[in-house]
Amino acid sequence: MADTLNAPLTGKALLQKVKDLGDLTPREKARRCGYETVAKNGQSRVNLSSFYEALLAARGISLGKEGDKDGRGREPTYRVSVHKNGQIVIGSTYTEKMGLQPGDEFEIKLGYKHIHLIQLDKDKNGSYDNDDE
């Protein structure tokens, strides 16, 4: 288990410290900003990845969206494959993003190398109707 020497700087404090450190190497800047750990054997390690992520976050830049993860810690990839039984499953991450509910219906239109799913709208009676017709 490695111990952190100093609490890593974040936010405005990190940005100011990096600015103050001027022409030092990125590794040395990360070390001086607290992104260094020491293992039990006494060897130190600079975590540049965490340092860069903290810099981006301090500047308001996010590389990922935490809201895109499903409950199992997997991130949506927007790619699916056909299962052995011939089905294609669209996960709940995508249906939740679109606000779909159980029972929502779609029309399937086949293209040359694509499939269009066209959501059917419910009329006042609760029946589905396609607006494209």
C-alpha atoms as a PDB file:
ATOM      1  CA  MET A   1       0.000   0.000   0.000  1.00  0.00           C
ATOM      2  CA  ALA A   2       1.403   3.408  -0.935  1.00  0.00           C
ATOM      3  CA  ASP A   3       1.082   6.524   1.209  1.00  0.00           C
ATOM      4  CA  THR A   4       0.588  10.002  -0.208  1.00  0.00           C
ATOM      5  CA  LEU A   5       3.218  12.450   1.030  1.00  0.00           C
ATOM      6  CA  ASN A   6       0.977  15.536   0.887  1.00  0.00           C
ATOM      7  CA  ALA A   7      -2.710  15.977   0.194  1.00  0.00           C
ATOM      8  CA  PRO A   8      -2.912  16.612  -3.567  1.00  0.00           C
ATOM      9  CA  LEU A   9      -3.857  20.154  -4.521  1.00  0.00           C
ATOM     10  CA  THR A  10      -7.041  20.689  -6.500  1.00  0.00           C
ATOM     11  CA  GLY A  11      -9.014  23.556  -7.997  1.00  0.00           C
ATOM     12  CA  LYS A  12      -7.672  27.105  -7.927  1.00  0.00           C
ATOM     13  CA  ALA A  13      -4.865  26.181  -5.517  1.00  0.00           C
ATOM     14  CA  LEU A  14      -3.560  23.616  -8.020  1.00  0.00           C
ATOM     15  CA  LEU A  15      -3.722  26.059 -10.924  1.00  0.00           C
ATOM     16  CA  GLN A  16      -1.877  28.739  -8.944  1.00  0.00           C
ATOM     17  CA  LYS A  17       0.831  26.323  -7.758  1.00  0.00           C
ATOM     18  CA  VAL A  18       1.435  25.063 -11.315  1.00  0.00           C
ATOM     19  CA  LYS A  19       1.694  28.661 -12.507  1.00  0.00           C
ATOM     20  CA  ASP A  20       4.171  29.460  -9.697  1.00  0.00           C
ATOM     21  CA  LEU A  21       6.321  26.428 -10.538  1.00  0.00           C
ATOM     22  CA  GLY A  22       7.030  27.882 -13.979  1.00  0.00           C
ATOM     23  CA  ASP A  23       9.514  25.926 -16.098  1.00  0.00           C
ATOM     24  CA  LEU A  24       9.781  22.741 -14.046  1.00  0.00           C
ATOM     25  CA  THR A  25       9.080  19.415 -15.737  1.00  0.00           C
ATOM     26  CA  PRO A  26       5.507  18.087 -15.565  1.00  0.00           C
ATOM     27  CA  ARG A  27       6.698  15.232 -13.310  1.00  0.00           C
ATOM     28  CA  GLU A  28       8.293  17.685 -10.844  1.00  0.00           C
ATOM     29  CA  LYS A  29       5.186  19.931 -10.896  1.00  0.00           C
ATOM     30  CA  ALA A  30       3.001  16.908 -10.126  1.00  0.00           C
ATOM     31  CA  ARG A  31       5.302  15.867  -7.279  1.00  0.00           C
ATOM     32  CA  ARG A  32       5.300  19.329  -5.715  1.00  0.00           C
ATOM     33  CA  CYS A  33       1.498  19.541  -6.024  1.00  0.00           C
ATOM     34  CA  GLY A  34       1.081  16.375  -3.975  1.00  0.00           C
ATOM     35  CA  TYR A  35       0.660  13.762  -6.703  1.00  0.00           C
ATOM     36  CA  GLU A  36       3.436  11.512  -5.367  1.00  0.00           C
ATOM     37  CA  THR A  37       3.088   8.355  -3.301  1.00  0.00           C
ATOM     38  CA  VAL A  38       5.699   6.301  -1.465  1.00  0.00           C
ATOM     39  CA  ALA A  39       5.444   2.511  -1.360  1.00  0.00           C
ATOM     40  CA  LYS A  40       6.404   0.343   1.626  1.00  0.00           C
ATOM     41  CA  ASN A  41       9.786  -0.322   0.026  1.00  0.00           C
ATOM     42  CA  GLY A  42      10.471   3.434   0.062  1.00  0.00           C
ATOM     43  CA  GLN A  43      10.181   3.903  -3.682  1.00  0.00           C
ATOM     44  CA  SER A  44       8.305   7.060  -4.757  1.00  0.00           C
ATOM     45  CA  ARG A  45       5.895   7.207  -7.657  1.00  0.00           C
ATOM     46  CA  VAL A  46       4.477  10.318  -9.333  1.00  0.00           C
ATOM     47  CA  ASN A  47       0.912   9.888 -10.560  1.00  0.00           C
ATOM     48  CA  LEU A  48       0.854  12.058 -13.690  1.00  0.00           C
ATOM     49  CA  SER A  49      -2.520  10.732 -14.777  1.00  0.00           C
ATOM     50  CA  SER A  50      -4.253  11.954 -11.605  1.00  0.00           C
ATOM     51  CA  PHE A  51      -2.327  15.220 -11.832  1.00  0.00           C
ATOM     52  CA  TYR A  52      -3.517  15.883 -15.393  1.00  0.00           C
ATOM     53  CA  GLU A  53      -7.102  14.907 -14.524  1.00  0.00           C
ATOM     54  CA  ALA A  54      -7.028  17.329 -11.581  1.00  0.00           C
ATOM     55  CA  LEU A  55      -5.680  20.093 -13.841  1.00  0.00           C
ATOM     56  CA  LEU A  56      -8.458  19.507 -16.350  1.00  0.00           C
ATOM     57  CA  ALA A  57     -11.085  19.452 -13.609  1.00  0.00           C
ATOM     58  CA  ALA A  58      -9.673  22.686 -12.155  1.00  0.00           C
ATOM     59  CA  ARG A  59     -10.122  24.270 -15.574  1.00  0.00           C
ATOM     60  CA  GLY A  60     -13.687  22.966 -15.809  1.00  0.00           C
ATOM     61  CA  ILE A  61     -12.962  20.280 -18.396  1.00  0.00           C
ATOM     62  CA  SER A  62     -14.375  16.784 -17.920  1.00  0.00           C
ATOM     63  CA  LEU A  63     -13.282  13.902 -20.125  1.00  0.00           C
ATOM     64  CA  GLY A  64     -16.061  11.589 -19.009  1.00  0.00           C
ATOM     65  CA  LYS A  65     -19.615  11.792 -17.818  1.00  0.00           C
ATOM     66  CA  GLU A  66     -20.333  10.009 -14.578  1.00  0.00           C
ATOM     67  CA  GLY A  67     -24.040  10.004 -15.430  1.00  0.00           C
ATOM     68  CA  ASP A  68     -23.424   7.722 -18.401  1.00  0.00           C
ATOM     69  CA  LYS A  69     -22.469   4.777 -16.233  1.00  0.00           C
ATOM     70  CA  ASP A  70     -25.002   2.096 -15.501  1.00  0.00           C
ATOM     71  CA  GLY A  71     -25.340   0.592 -12.031  1.00  0.00           C
ATOM     72  CA  ARG A  72     -22.648  -2.034 -12.603  1.00  0.00           C
ATOM     73  CA  GLY A  73     -19.804   0.402 -13.215  1.00  0.00           C
ATOM     74  CA  ARG A  74     -19.721  -0.135 -16.967  1.00  0.00           C
ATOM     75  CA  GLU A  75     -19.737   2.787 -19.358  1.00  0.00           C
ATOM     76  CA  PRO A  76     -22.009   2.843 -22.417  1.00  0.00           C
ATOM     77  CA  THR A  77     -20.125   2.221 -25.645  1.00  0.00           C
ATOM     78  CA  TYR A  78     -22.894   2.831 -28.200  1.00  0.00           C
ATOM     79  CA  ARG A  79     -21.979  -0.493 -29.806  1.00  0.00           C
ATOM     80  CA  VAL A  80     -23.951  -3.717 -29.638  1.00  0.00           C
ATOM     81  CA  SER A  81     -23.574  -7.139 -31.189  1.00  0.00           C
ATOM     82  CA  VAL A  82     -26.063  -9.686 -32.402  1.00  0.00           C
ATOM     83  CA  HIS A  83     -26.539 -12.473 -29.863  1.00  0.00           C
ATOM     84  CA  LYS A  84     -26.523 -16.176 -30.767  1.00  0.00           C
ATOM     85  CA  ASN A  85     -30.331 -16.158 -30.732  1.00  0.00           C
ATOM     86  CA  GLY A  86     -30.375 -13.363 -33.351  1.00  0.00           C
ATOM     87  CA  GLN A  87     -31.421 -10.597 -30.963  1.00  0.00           C
ATOM     88  CA  ILE A  88     -29.864  -7.196 -30.444  1.00  0.00           C
ATOM     89  CA  VAL A  89     -30.269  -5.819 -26.929  1.00  0.00           C
ATOM     90  CA  ILE A  90     -30.260  -2.107 -26.222  1.00  0.00           C
ATOM     91  CA  GLY A  91     -29.352  -1.563 -22.577  1.00  0.00           C
ATOM     92  CA  SER A  92     -31.235   0.470 -20.019  1.00  0.00           C
ATOM     93  CA  THR A  93     -28.598   3.222 -20.092  1.00  0.00           C
ATOM     94  CA  TYR A  94     -29.771   4.199 -23.563  1.00  0.00           C
ATOM     95  CA  THR A  95     -33.487   3.822 -22.970  1.00  0.00           C
ATOM     96  CA  GLU A  96     -33.219   5.920 -19.783  1.00  0.00           C
ATOM     97  CA  LYS A  97     -31.333   8.640 -21.681  1.00  0.00           C
ATOM     98  CA  MET A  98     -34.218   8.819 -24.136  1.00  0.00           C
ATOM     99  CA  GLY A  99     -36.844   8.757 -21.399  1.00  0.00           C
ATOM    100  CA  LEU A 100     -38.415   5.555 -22.715  1.00  0.00           C
ATOM    101  CA  GLN A 101     -40.914   3.646 -20.604  1.00  0.00           C
ATOM    102  CA  PRO A 102     -41.935  -0.032 -20.618  1.00  0.00           C
ATOM    103  CA  GLY A 103     -44.520  -0.520 -23.332  1.00  0.00           C
ATOM    104  CA  ASP A 104     -43.282   2.285 -25.619  1.00  0.00           C
ATOM    105  CA  GLU A 105     -43.544   1.099 -29.197  1.00  0.00           C
ATOM    106  CA  PHE A 106     -41.379   1.563 -32.271  1.00  0.00           C
ATOM    107  CA  GLU A 107     -41.704   0.960 -35.977  1.00  0.00           C
ATOM    108  CA  ILE A 108     -38.696  -0.808 -37.515  1.00  0.00           C
ATOM    109  CA  LYS A 109     -37.547   0.342 -40.946  1.00  0.00           C
ATOM    110  CA  LEU A 110     -34.717  -1.532 -42.623  1.00  0.00           C
ATOM    111  CA  GLY A 111     -32.108   0.273 -44.701  1.00  0.00           C
ATOM    112  CA  TYR A 112     -29.187  -1.019 -46.737  1.00  0.00           C
ATOM    113  CA  LYS A 113     -26.836  -1.404 -43.754  1.00  0.00           C
ATOM    114  CA  HIS A 114     -28.835   0.183 -40.976  1.00  0.00           C
ATOM    115  CA  ILE A 115     -32.000  -0.146 -38.945  1.00  0.00           C
ATOM    116  CA  HIS A 116     -34.195   2.831 -38.091  1.00  0.00           C
ATOM    117  CA  LEU A 117     -36.283   2.667 -34.925  1.00  0.00           C
ATOM    118  CA  ILE A 118     -39.079   5.197 -35.171  1.00  0.00           C
ATOM    119  CA  GLN A 119     -40.901   5.838 -31.923  1.00  0.00           C
ATOM    120  CA  LEU A 120     -44.656   5.728 -32.256  1.00  0.00           C
ATOM    121  CA  ASP A 121     -46.616   8.418 -30.444  1.00  0.00           C
ATOM    122  CA  LYS A 122     -49.582   7.600 -28.225  1.00  0.00           C
ATOM    123  CA  ASP A 123     -52.854   9.285 -29.112  1.00  0.00           C
ATOM    124  CA  LYS A 124     -55.339  10.527 -26.510  1.00  0.00           C
ATOM    125  CA  ASN A 125     -56.913   7.054 -26.259  1.00  0.00           C
ATOM    126  CA  GLY A 126     -53.583   5.419 -25.361  1.00  0.00           C
ATOM    127  CA  SER A 127     -53.221   3.828 -28.818  1.00  0.00           C
ATOM    128  CA  TYR A 128     -50.023   4.199 -30.793  1.00  0.00           C
ATOM    129  CA  ASP A 129     -49.962   6.187 -34.010  1.00  0.00           C
ATOM    130  CA  ASN A 130     -47.091   6.965 -36.367  1.00  0.00           C
ATOM    131  CA  ASP A 131     -46.880  10.654 -37.276  1.00  0.00           C
ATOM    132  CA  ASP A 132     -44.900   9.875 -40.458  1.00  0.00           C
ATOM    133  CA  GLU A 133     -47.935   8.477 -42.250  1.00  0.00           C
END
